[in-house]
């Protein structure tokens, strides 16, 4: 454990941010999973679920929780997967 005052503050800030980022990442996974499940079942809410997932991915990238290229990759993979499920 650090005994420098500024480092102790930095550790506290990092912990708060880690927990916040953890919840954001968890929500991303949930939104993507819901979109895929809706597409698999042929649900009419698929478009809305995909829109919500993409919105959360964009928000996470804007806040710096994930990198912008990771956000683009996740959106691309989600769209590709949903298109395959709806077609097949």
N, C-alpha and C. Protein backbone atom coordinates (compact mmCIF):
# COMPACT_ATOMS: atom_id res chain seq x y z
N UNK A 1 0.85 -1.19 0.00
CA UNK A 1 0.00 0.00 0.00
C UNK A 1 0.89 1.24 0.00
N UNK A 2 0.52 2.19 -0.81
CA UNK A 2 1.30 3.43 -0.92
C UNK A 2 1.12 4.27 0.34
N UNK A 3 2.15 5.03 0.67
CA UNK A 3 2.01 5.95 1.81
C UNK A 3 2.21 7.40 1.36
N UNK A 4 2.12 7.61 0.05
CA UNK A 4 2.16 8.96 -0.49
C UNK A 4 0.71 9.40 -0.68
N UNK A 5 0.39 10.59 -0.21
CA UNK A 5 -1.00 11.03 -0.17
C UNK A 5 -1.64 11.04 -1.56
N UNK A 6 -0.93 11.55 -2.55
CA UNK A 6 -1.50 11.63 -3.90
C UNK A 6 -1.71 10.23 -4.49
N UNK A 7 -0.83 9.31 -4.15
CA UNK A 7 -0.99 7.95 -4.66
C UNK A 7 -2.16 7.24 -3.99
N UNK A 8 -2.40 7.52 -2.71
CA UNK A 8 -3.56 6.94 -2.03
C UNK A 8 -4.85 7.43 -2.68
N UNK A 9 -4.88 8.73 -3.03
CA UNK A 9 -6.05 9.28 -3.71
C UNK A 9 -6.22 8.64 -5.08
N UNK A 10 -5.13 8.49 -5.80
CA UNK A 10 -5.17 7.87 -7.12
C UNK A 10 -5.70 6.44 -7.03
N UNK A 11 -5.30 5.71 -5.99
CA UNK A 11 -5.80 4.34 -5.79
C UNK A 11 -7.30 4.32 -5.55
N UNK A 12 -7.79 5.27 -4.75
CA UNK A 12 -9.24 5.36 -4.51
C UNK A 12 -9.99 5.67 -5.80
N UNK A 13 -9.48 6.62 -6.58
CA UNK A 13 -10.12 6.99 -7.85
C UNK A 13 -10.14 5.80 -8.81
N UNK A 14 -9.02 5.09 -8.87
CA UNK A 14 -8.94 3.94 -9.77
C UNK A 14 -9.94 2.86 -9.40
N UNK A 15 -10.15 2.66 -8.11
CA UNK A 15 -11.10 1.64 -7.66
C UNK A 15 -12.53 2.02 -8.04
N UNK A 16 -12.88 3.29 -7.86
CA UNK A 16 -14.22 3.76 -8.23
C UNK A 16 -14.43 3.59 -9.74
N UNK A 17 -13.43 3.96 -10.52
CA UNK A 17 -13.54 3.84 -11.98
C UNK A 17 -13.60 2.39 -12.42
N UNK A 18 -12.84 1.53 -11.75
CA UNK A 18 -12.84 0.11 -12.10
C UNK A 18 -14.23 -0.49 -11.91
N UNK A 19 -14.87 -0.14 -10.81
CA UNK A 19 -16.21 -0.66 -10.54
C UNK A 19 -17.23 -0.12 -11.55
N UNK A 20 -17.10 1.16 -11.89
CA UNK A 20 -18.00 1.76 -12.87
C UNK A 20 -17.82 1.09 -14.24
N UNK A 21 -16.57 0.92 -14.64
CA UNK A 21 -16.28 0.28 -15.93
C UNK A 21 -16.78 -1.16 -15.96
N UNK A 22 -16.67 -1.83 -14.83
CA UNK A 22 -17.11 -3.22 -14.73
C UNK A 22 -18.61 -3.31 -14.99
N UNK A 23 -19.38 -2.40 -14.42
CA UNK A 23 -20.83 -2.44 -14.62
C UNK A 23 -21.20 -2.08 -16.06
N UNK A 24 -20.46 -1.16 -16.66
CA UNK A 24 -20.72 -0.79 -18.05
C UNK A 24 -20.44 -1.97 -18.97
N UNK A 25 -19.31 -2.66 -18.75
CA UNK A 25 -18.96 -3.82 -19.57
C UNK A 25 -20.00 -4.93 -19.41
N UNK A 26 -20.46 -5.12 -18.20
CA UNK A 26 -21.46 -6.14 -17.93
C UNK A 26 -22.75 -5.81 -18.68
N UNK A 27 -23.15 -4.55 -18.66
CA UNK A 27 -24.36 -4.15 -19.37
C UNK A 27 -24.20 -4.36 -20.87
N UNK A 28 -23.02 -4.08 -21.40
CA UNK A 28 -22.77 -4.31 -22.83
C UNK A 28 -23.03 -5.77 -23.19
N UNK A 29 -22.47 -6.67 -22.39
CA UNK A 29 -22.65 -8.10 -22.65
C UNK A 29 -24.12 -8.48 -22.61
N UNK A 30 -24.85 -7.95 -21.64
CA UNK A 30 -26.27 -8.26 -21.50
C UNK A 30 -27.06 -7.76 -22.69
N UNK A 31 -26.80 -6.52 -23.12
CA UNK A 31 -27.53 -5.95 -24.27
C UNK A 31 -27.26 -6.74 -25.54
N UNK A 32 -26.01 -7.11 -25.76
CA UNK A 32 -25.66 -7.88 -26.96
C UNK A 32 -26.33 -9.25 -26.91
N UNK A 33 -26.30 -9.88 -25.74
CA UNK A 33 -26.92 -11.20 -25.59
C UNK A 33 -28.42 -11.12 -25.87
N UNK A 34 -29.08 -10.08 -25.35
CA UNK A 34 -30.51 -9.91 -25.59
C UNK A 34 -30.82 -9.74 -27.07
N UNK A 35 -29.98 -8.98 -27.76
CA UNK A 35 -30.18 -8.76 -29.20
C UNK A 35 -30.04 -10.08 -29.95
N UNK A 36 -29.05 -10.87 -29.60
CA UNK A 36 -28.83 -12.15 -30.28
C UNK A 36 -29.97 -13.12 -30.00
N UNK A 37 -30.42 -13.15 -28.75
CA UNK A 37 -31.53 -14.05 -28.38
C UNK A 37 -32.79 -13.65 -29.13
N UNK A 38 -33.09 -12.36 -29.22
CA UNK A 38 -34.27 -11.90 -29.95
C UNK A 38 -34.17 -12.28 -31.42
N UNK A 39 -32.99 -12.14 -32.00
CA UNK A 39 -32.80 -12.49 -33.41
C UNK A 39 -32.96 -14.00 -33.61
N UNK A 40 -32.47 -14.78 -32.66
CA UNK A 40 -32.57 -16.24 -32.76
C UNK A 40 -34.03 -16.68 -32.73
N UNK A 41 -34.80 -16.06 -31.86
CA UNK A 41 -36.21 -16.43 -31.71
C UNK A 41 -37.08 -15.81 -32.80
N UNK A 42 -36.50 -14.93 -33.62
CA UNK A 42 -37.29 -14.26 -34.65
C UNK A 42 -38.27 -13.27 -34.06
N UNK A 43 -37.92 -12.72 -32.92
CA UNK A 43 -38.77 -11.78 -32.21
C UNK A 43 -38.89 -10.47 -32.97
N UNK A 44 -40.03 -9.80 -32.86
CA UNK A 44 -40.21 -8.52 -33.56
C UNK A 44 -39.51 -7.38 -32.83
N UNK A 45 -38.96 -7.64 -31.63
CA UNK A 45 -38.21 -6.62 -30.89
C UNK A 45 -36.73 -6.61 -31.26
N UNK A 46 -36.34 -7.41 -32.23
CA UNK A 46 -34.92 -7.54 -32.59
C UNK A 46 -34.31 -6.20 -32.94
N UNK A 47 -34.99 -5.42 -33.79
CA UNK A 47 -34.46 -4.12 -34.21
C UNK A 47 -34.21 -3.21 -33.03
N UNK A 48 -35.15 -3.18 -32.10
CA UNK A 48 -35.01 -2.34 -30.91
C UNK A 48 -33.86 -2.81 -30.02
N UNK A 49 -33.73 -4.13 -29.86
CA UNK A 49 -32.65 -4.68 -29.03
C UNK A 49 -31.29 -4.36 -29.62
N UNK A 50 -31.18 -4.49 -30.94
CA UNK A 50 -29.91 -4.20 -31.61
C UNK A 50 -29.58 -2.72 -31.46
N UNK A 51 -30.58 -1.88 -31.62
CA UNK A 51 -30.38 -0.44 -31.48
C UNK A 51 -29.88 -0.10 -30.08
N UNK A 52 -30.48 -0.71 -29.06
CA UNK A 52 -30.07 -0.47 -27.67
C UNK A 52 -28.63 -0.95 -27.44
N UNK A 53 -28.28 -2.10 -28.00
CA UNK A 53 -26.92 -2.63 -27.84
C UNK A 53 -25.91 -1.70 -28.49
N UNK A 54 -26.21 -1.25 -29.69
CA UNK A 54 -25.29 -0.35 -30.41
C UNK A 54 -25.15 0.98 -29.65
N UNK A 55 -26.25 1.46 -29.09
CA UNK A 55 -26.22 2.71 -28.34
C UNK A 55 -25.29 2.57 -27.12
N UNK A 56 -25.40 1.45 -26.41
CA UNK A 56 -24.56 1.24 -25.23
C UNK A 56 -23.09 1.08 -25.61
N UNK A 57 -22.84 0.42 -26.73
CA UNK A 57 -21.46 0.26 -27.19
C UNK A 57 -20.86 1.62 -27.51
N UNK A 58 -21.63 2.46 -28.21
CA UNK A 58 -21.15 3.80 -28.55
C UNK A 58 -20.90 4.64 -27.31
N UNK A 59 -21.79 4.53 -26.33
CA UNK A 59 -21.62 5.28 -25.08
C UNK A 59 -20.36 4.84 -24.34
N UNK A 60 -20.13 3.55 -24.30
CA UNK A 60 -18.94 3.03 -23.62
C UNK A 60 -17.67 3.53 -24.30
N UNK A 61 -17.69 3.59 -25.62
CA UNK A 61 -16.52 4.08 -26.36
C UNK A 61 -16.33 5.57 -26.11
N UNK A 62 -17.42 6.31 -26.07
CA UNK A 62 -17.33 7.75 -25.84
C UNK A 62 -16.78 8.07 -24.45
N UNK A 63 -17.11 7.23 -23.48
CA UNK A 63 -16.64 7.45 -22.11
C UNK A 63 -15.25 6.86 -21.87
N UNK A 64 -14.73 6.14 -22.85
CA UNK A 64 -13.39 5.58 -22.71
C UNK A 64 -13.33 4.25 -22.00
N UNK A 65 -14.48 3.63 -21.81
CA UNK A 65 -14.50 2.31 -21.15
C UNK A 65 -13.90 1.27 -22.11
N UNK A 66 -14.24 1.39 -23.39
CA UNK A 66 -13.64 0.54 -24.41
C UNK A 66 -13.08 1.45 -25.50
N UNK A 67 -12.13 0.94 -26.27
CA UNK A 67 -11.51 1.70 -27.34
C UNK A 67 -12.48 1.84 -28.50
N UNK A 68 -12.36 2.92 -29.26
CA UNK A 68 -13.30 3.15 -30.37
C UNK A 68 -13.22 2.06 -31.42
N UNK A 69 -12.03 1.49 -31.64
CA UNK A 69 -11.91 0.39 -32.60
C UNK A 69 -12.57 -0.88 -32.07
N UNK A 70 -12.51 -1.07 -30.77
CA UNK A 70 -13.19 -2.22 -30.17
C UNK A 70 -14.70 -2.05 -30.32
N UNK A 71 -15.18 -0.83 -30.15
CA UNK A 71 -16.61 -0.56 -30.31
C UNK A 71 -17.04 -0.87 -31.74
N UNK A 72 -16.25 -0.43 -32.71
CA UNK A 72 -16.58 -0.68 -34.11
C UNK A 72 -16.59 -2.18 -34.39
N UNK A 73 -15.61 -2.90 -33.85
CA UNK A 73 -15.54 -4.35 -34.06
C UNK A 73 -16.74 -5.05 -33.44
N UNK A 74 -17.09 -4.65 -32.23
CA UNK A 74 -18.25 -5.28 -31.55
C UNK A 74 -19.55 -5.03 -32.32
N UNK A 75 -19.73 -3.80 -32.80
CA UNK A 75 -20.94 -3.48 -33.56
C UNK A 75 -20.98 -4.28 -34.86
N UNK A 76 -19.85 -4.37 -35.53
CA UNK A 76 -19.78 -5.12 -36.78
C UNK A 76 -20.12 -6.58 -36.56
N UNK A 77 -19.55 -7.17 -35.54
CA UNK A 77 -19.81 -8.59 -35.25
C UNK A 77 -21.27 -8.81 -34.87
N UNK A 78 -21.83 -7.88 -34.11
CA UNK A 78 -23.23 -7.99 -33.71
C UNK A 78 -24.14 -7.93 -34.93
N UNK A 79 -23.91 -6.96 -35.81
CA UNK A 79 -24.74 -6.80 -37.00
C UNK A 79 -24.65 -8.04 -37.90
N UNK A 80 -23.43 -8.54 -38.05
CA UNK A 80 -23.21 -9.72 -38.90
C UNK A 80 -23.95 -10.92 -38.32
N UNK A 81 -23.85 -11.09 -37.01
CA UNK A 81 -24.49 -12.23 -36.35
C UNK A 81 -26.00 -12.15 -36.44
N UNK A 82 -26.56 -10.97 -36.22
CA UNK A 82 -28.01 -10.78 -36.27
C UNK A 82 -28.51 -11.02 -37.70
N UNK A 83 -27.77 -10.52 -38.70
CA UNK A 83 -28.17 -10.71 -40.09
C UNK A 83 -28.19 -12.18 -40.46
N UNK A 84 -27.18 -12.93 -40.00
CA UNK A 84 -27.14 -14.37 -40.28
C UNK A 84 -28.30 -15.09 -39.62
N UNK A 85 -28.63 -14.72 -38.39
CA UNK A 85 -29.72 -15.38 -37.68
C UNK A 85 -31.08 -15.07 -38.31
N UNK A 86 -31.24 -13.83 -38.76
CA UNK A 86 -32.52 -13.46 -39.37
C UNK A 86 -32.67 -14.09 -40.76
N UNK A 87 -31.58 -14.26 -41.48
CA UNK A 87 -31.63 -14.84 -42.82
C UNK A 87 -31.82 -16.37 -42.74
N UNK A 88 -31.15 -16.96 -41.76
CA UNK A 88 -31.15 -18.43 -41.70
C UNK A 88 -32.12 -18.99 -40.79
